Amino acid sequence: MMMNLSSVDDLNKRLPRPIKPIQFRGGFYLKMDKNEPYTEDSYDWVKIGSEAVFRKVAPCRRCILPNINPETGERDPENNPLKTLKT
C-alpha cells in the first residue's frame, strides 16, 4: 500500500480529529516535490532509486482498519477517516 503524505494532509483538513499516516498502515509513504493530494491513485508504476520498481496490481479496497487508532486500539465513533474519504 502506497500513499502520498499530501493526501493525508488534505484529509486531515476535513476530519474532525486529525490522524497520523500510520493509521493507514501503508507500506510506502511518499513525500512529493509537488503538493498534489491523491496523485498516487493514478500511478501504475513507481520507481524508487535505480533498481526498485513497483507496479500497481489493484486498488486498495479498505476494511475498517484505518478507523482504528493503532496507538490506542480505539475505533473512531464516526467511522473516520473512511467515512470522510468516501465523500
N, C-alpha and C. Protein backbone atom coordinates (compact mmCIF):
# COMPACT_ATOMS: atom_id res chain seq x y z
N MET A 1 0.85 -1.18 0.00
CA MET A 1 0.00 0.00 0.00
C MET A 1 0.89 1.23 0.00
N MET A 2 0.61 2.14 -0.87
CA MET A 2 1.41 3.34 -1.02
C MET A 2 0.49 4.55 -0.95
N MET A 3 0.96 5.58 -0.25
CA MET A 3 0.17 6.80 -0.20
C MET A 3 1.07 8.02 -0.10
N ASN A 4 0.54 9.10 -0.59
CA ASN A 4 1.22 10.38 -0.62
C ASN A 4 0.89 11.12 0.68
N LEU A 5 1.90 11.63 1.37
CA LEU A 5 1.66 12.35 2.62
C LEU A 5 0.81 13.59 2.40
N SER A 6 0.82 14.16 1.20
CA SER A 6 -0.06 15.30 0.89
C SER A 6 -1.53 14.88 0.94
N SER A 7 -1.80 13.63 0.63
CA SER A 7 -3.17 13.13 0.70
C SER A 7 -3.65 13.10 2.15
N VAL A 8 -2.77 12.66 3.05
CA VAL A 8 -3.12 12.63 4.48
C VAL A 8 -3.32 14.06 4.99
N ASP A 9 -2.45 14.98 4.57
CA ASP A 9 -2.60 16.38 4.98
C ASP A 9 -3.95 16.94 4.52
N ASP A 10 -4.33 16.65 3.28
CA ASP A 10 -5.60 17.14 2.75
C ASP A 10 -6.77 16.51 3.52
N LEU A 11 -6.70 15.23 3.77
CA LEU A 11 -7.75 14.54 4.52
C LEU A 11 -7.89 15.15 5.92
N ASN A 12 -6.78 15.44 6.57
CA ASN A 12 -6.82 16.00 7.92
C ASN A 12 -7.52 17.36 7.98
N LYS A 13 -7.52 18.09 6.88
CA LYS A 13 -8.24 19.37 6.84
C LYS A 13 -9.75 19.17 6.91
N ARG A 14 -10.20 17.97 6.55
CA ARG A 14 -11.64 17.69 6.51
C ARG A 14 -12.13 16.82 7.67
N LEU A 15 -11.21 16.32 8.46
CA LEU A 15 -11.59 15.45 9.58
C LEU A 15 -11.80 16.24 10.86
N PRO A 16 -12.75 15.82 11.68
CA PRO A 16 -12.94 16.49 12.97
C PRO A 16 -11.77 16.25 13.92
N ARG A 17 -11.13 15.07 13.79
CA ARG A 17 -9.95 14.73 14.59
C ARG A 17 -8.85 14.27 13.64
N PRO A 18 -7.75 15.03 13.52
CA PRO A 18 -6.68 14.64 12.60
C PRO A 18 -6.10 13.27 12.93
N ILE A 19 -5.58 12.63 11.91
CA ILE A 19 -4.95 11.32 12.07
C ILE A 19 -3.50 11.40 11.62
N LYS A 20 -2.73 10.39 11.97
CA LYS A 20 -1.35 10.26 11.52
C LYS A 20 -1.32 9.28 10.34
N PRO A 21 -0.34 9.40 9.45
CA PRO A 21 -0.27 8.49 8.30
C PRO A 21 -0.26 7.01 8.69
N ILE A 22 0.32 6.68 9.83
CA ILE A 22 0.40 5.28 10.24
C ILE A 22 -0.97 4.63 10.41
N GLN A 23 -2.00 5.45 10.55
CA GLN A 23 -3.37 4.93 10.69
C GLN A 23 -3.76 4.07 9.49
N PHE A 24 -3.15 4.32 8.33
CA PHE A 24 -3.46 3.55 7.12
C PHE A 24 -2.59 2.31 6.98
N ARG A 25 -1.58 2.19 7.84
CA ARG A 25 -0.68 1.03 7.84
C ARG A 25 -0.09 0.78 6.46
N GLY A 26 0.36 1.85 5.83
CA GLY A 26 0.92 1.74 4.48
C GLY A 26 2.31 1.13 4.45
N GLY A 27 2.65 0.62 3.31
CA GLY A 27 4.00 0.09 3.11
C GLY A 27 4.97 1.17 2.67
N PHE A 28 4.45 2.16 1.93
CA PHE A 28 5.26 3.27 1.43
C PHE A 28 4.52 4.57 1.64
N TYR A 29 5.21 5.56 2.15
CA TYR A 29 4.65 6.91 2.29
C TYR A 29 5.50 7.83 1.43
N LEU A 30 4.89 8.49 0.48
CA LEU A 30 5.59 9.34 -0.46
C LEU A 30 5.52 10.80 -0.04
N LYS A 31 6.65 11.47 -0.07
CA LYS A 31 6.68 12.92 0.13
C LYS A 31 7.08 13.50 -1.22
N MET A 32 6.14 14.13 -1.87
CA MET A 32 6.33 14.61 -3.23
C MET A 32 6.87 16.03 -3.26
N ASP A 33 7.58 16.36 -4.34
CA ASP A 33 8.04 17.73 -4.53
C ASP A 33 6.86 18.67 -4.71
N LYS A 34 5.86 18.21 -5.42
CA LYS A 34 4.64 18.99 -5.63
C LYS A 34 3.61 18.56 -4.59
N ASN A 35 2.91 19.49 -4.05
CA ASN A 35 1.89 19.19 -3.05
C ASN A 35 0.57 18.89 -3.74
N GLU A 36 0.45 17.69 -4.31
CA GLU A 36 -0.74 17.29 -5.05
C GLU A 36 -1.38 16.07 -4.40
N PRO A 37 -2.37 16.28 -3.54
CA PRO A 37 -3.02 15.15 -2.88
C PRO A 37 -3.66 14.19 -3.86
N TYR A 38 -3.60 12.93 -3.54
CA TYR A 38 -4.27 11.83 -4.24
C TYR A 38 -3.71 11.53 -5.62
N THR A 39 -2.57 12.10 -5.98
CA THR A 39 -1.97 11.76 -7.27
C THR A 39 -1.52 10.31 -7.32
N GLU A 40 -1.24 9.73 -6.16
CA GLU A 40 -0.80 8.33 -6.12
C GLU A 40 -1.88 7.38 -6.64
N ASP A 41 -3.12 7.82 -6.63
CA ASP A 41 -4.21 6.97 -7.13
C ASP A 41 -4.09 6.71 -8.63
N SER A 42 -3.40 7.56 -9.35
CA SER A 42 -3.28 7.41 -10.80
C SER A 42 -1.98 6.74 -11.24
N TYR A 43 -1.10 6.41 -10.31
CA TYR A 43 0.18 5.80 -10.67
C TYR A 43 -0.01 4.33 -11.02
N ASP A 44 0.61 3.91 -12.13
CA ASP A 44 0.64 2.49 -12.48
C ASP A 44 1.98 1.87 -12.08
N TRP A 45 3.04 2.69 -12.13
CA TRP A 45 4.40 2.24 -11.79
C TRP A 45 5.06 3.28 -10.90
N VAL A 46 5.90 2.82 -9.99
CA VAL A 46 6.71 3.71 -9.15
C VAL A 46 8.11 3.15 -9.10
N LYS A 47 9.08 4.02 -9.35
CA LYS A 47 10.48 3.61 -9.28
C LYS A 47 11.14 4.37 -8.13
N ILE A 48 11.77 3.63 -7.23
CA ILE A 48 12.47 4.21 -6.09
C ILE A 48 13.94 3.88 -6.24
N GLY A 49 14.76 4.93 -6.35
CA GLY A 49 16.18 4.71 -6.59
C GLY A 49 16.41 4.22 -8.00
N SER A 50 17.46 3.44 -8.20
CA SER A 50 17.78 2.99 -9.55
C SER A 50 17.31 1.57 -9.85
N GLU A 51 16.89 0.82 -8.82
CA GLU A 51 16.54 -0.57 -9.07
C GLU A 51 15.17 -1.02 -8.59
N ALA A 52 14.60 -0.35 -7.62
CA ALA A 52 13.32 -0.80 -7.07
C ALA A 52 12.16 -0.25 -7.89
N VAL A 53 11.42 -1.15 -8.53
CA VAL A 53 10.28 -0.77 -9.36
C VAL A 53 9.05 -1.52 -8.85
N PHE A 54 7.98 -0.76 -8.65
CA PHE A 54 6.74 -1.34 -8.15
C PHE A 54 5.63 -1.06 -9.15
N ARG A 55 4.77 -2.06 -9.35
CA ARG A 55 3.64 -1.92 -10.26
C ARG A 55 2.35 -2.04 -9.47
N LYS A 56 1.39 -1.19 -9.79
CA LYS A 56 0.07 -1.27 -9.16
C LYS A 56 -0.65 -2.49 -9.70
N VAL A 57 -1.09 -3.33 -8.80
CA VAL A 57 -1.80 -4.55 -9.20
C VAL A 57 -3.31 -4.33 -9.13
N ALA A 58 -3.76 -3.69 -8.05
CA ALA A 58 -5.19 -3.45 -7.86
C ALA A 58 -5.37 -2.30 -6.89
N PRO A 59 -6.49 -1.61 -6.97
CA PRO A 59 -6.75 -0.57 -5.97
C PRO A 59 -6.95 -1.22 -4.60
N CYS A 60 -6.69 -0.46 -3.58
CA CYS A 60 -6.83 -0.96 -2.22
C CYS A 60 -8.28 -0.82 -1.78
N ARG A 61 -8.93 -1.92 -1.56
CA ARG A 61 -10.29 -1.93 -1.02
C ARG A 61 -10.14 -2.06 0.48
N ARG A 62 -10.47 -1.03 1.19
CA ARG A 62 -10.18 -0.95 2.62
C ARG A 62 -11.23 -1.60 3.51
N CYS A 63 -10.71 -2.29 4.52
CA CYS A 63 -11.56 -2.75 5.60
C CYS A 63 -11.67 -1.60 6.61
N ILE A 64 -12.14 -1.84 7.79
CA ILE A 64 -12.31 -0.77 8.78
C ILE A 64 -11.01 -0.43 9.51
N LEU A 65 -9.92 -1.10 9.21
CA LEU A 65 -8.67 -0.88 9.94
C LEU A 65 -8.23 0.58 10.04
N PRO A 66 -8.34 1.40 8.99
CA PRO A 66 -7.95 2.80 9.16
C PRO A 66 -8.79 3.56 10.18
N ASN A 67 -9.96 3.05 10.51
CA ASN A 67 -10.80 3.70 11.51
C ASN A 67 -10.37 3.37 12.94
N ILE A 68 -9.38 2.51 13.07
CA ILE A 68 -8.89 2.10 14.39
C ILE A 68 -7.53 2.73 14.64
N ASN A 69 -7.42 3.49 15.71
CA ASN A 69 -6.17 4.16 16.07
C ASN A 69 -5.14 3.10 16.47
N PRO A 70 -3.98 3.03 15.76
CA PRO A 70 -3.00 1.99 16.08
C PRO A 70 -2.31 2.20 17.44
N GLU A 71 -2.37 3.41 17.97
CA GLU A 71 -1.72 3.69 19.25
C GLU A 71 -2.62 3.32 20.43
N THR A 72 -3.94 3.48 20.27
CA THR A 72 -4.86 3.24 21.38
C THR A 72 -5.73 2.01 21.19
N GLY A 73 -5.87 1.54 19.95
CA GLY A 73 -6.75 0.42 19.65
C GLY A 73 -8.22 0.81 19.62
N GLU A 74 -8.51 2.10 19.74
CA GLU A 74 -9.90 2.56 19.77
C GLU A 74 -10.40 2.84 18.35
N ARG A 75 -11.64 2.43 18.11
CA ARG A 75 -12.29 2.68 16.82
C ARG A 75 -12.95 4.05 16.86
N ASP A 76 -12.84 4.79 15.75
CA ASP A 76 -13.45 6.11 15.67
C ASP A 76 -14.97 5.97 15.71
N PRO A 77 -15.65 6.69 16.61
CA PRO A 77 -17.10 6.55 16.75
C PRO A 77 -17.89 7.03 15.53
N GLU A 78 -17.27 7.87 14.69
CA GLU A 78 -17.95 8.39 13.49
C GLU A 78 -17.49 7.68 12.22
N ASN A 79 -16.72 6.59 12.38
CA ASN A 79 -16.22 5.80 11.25
C ASN A 79 -15.28 6.58 10.34
N ASN A 80 -14.51 7.46 10.93
CA ASN A 80 -13.50 8.20 10.17
C ASN A 80 -12.13 7.54 10.36
N PRO A 81 -11.28 7.63 9.35
CA PRO A 81 -11.30 8.53 8.20
C PRO A 81 -12.05 7.99 6.98
N LEU A 82 -12.45 6.72 6.99
CA LEU A 82 -13.08 6.16 5.80
C LEU A 82 -14.37 6.86 5.42
N LYS A 83 -15.16 7.27 6.39
CA LYS A 83 -16.41 7.98 6.10
C LYS A 83 -16.12 9.25 5.30
N THR A 84 -15.12 10.01 5.72
CA THR A 84 -14.77 11.26 5.05
C THR A 84 -14.15 10.98 3.68
N LEU A 85 -13.34 9.94 3.57
CA LEU A 85 -12.73 9.61 2.27
C LEU A 85 -13.78 9.26 1.22
N LYS A 86 -14.88 8.69 1.63
CA LYS A 86 -15.94 8.32 0.68
C LYS A 86 -16.62 9.55 0.08
N THR A 87 -16.44 10.73 0.73
CA THR A 87 -17.07 11.92 0.19
C THR A 87 -16.19 12.52 -0.88
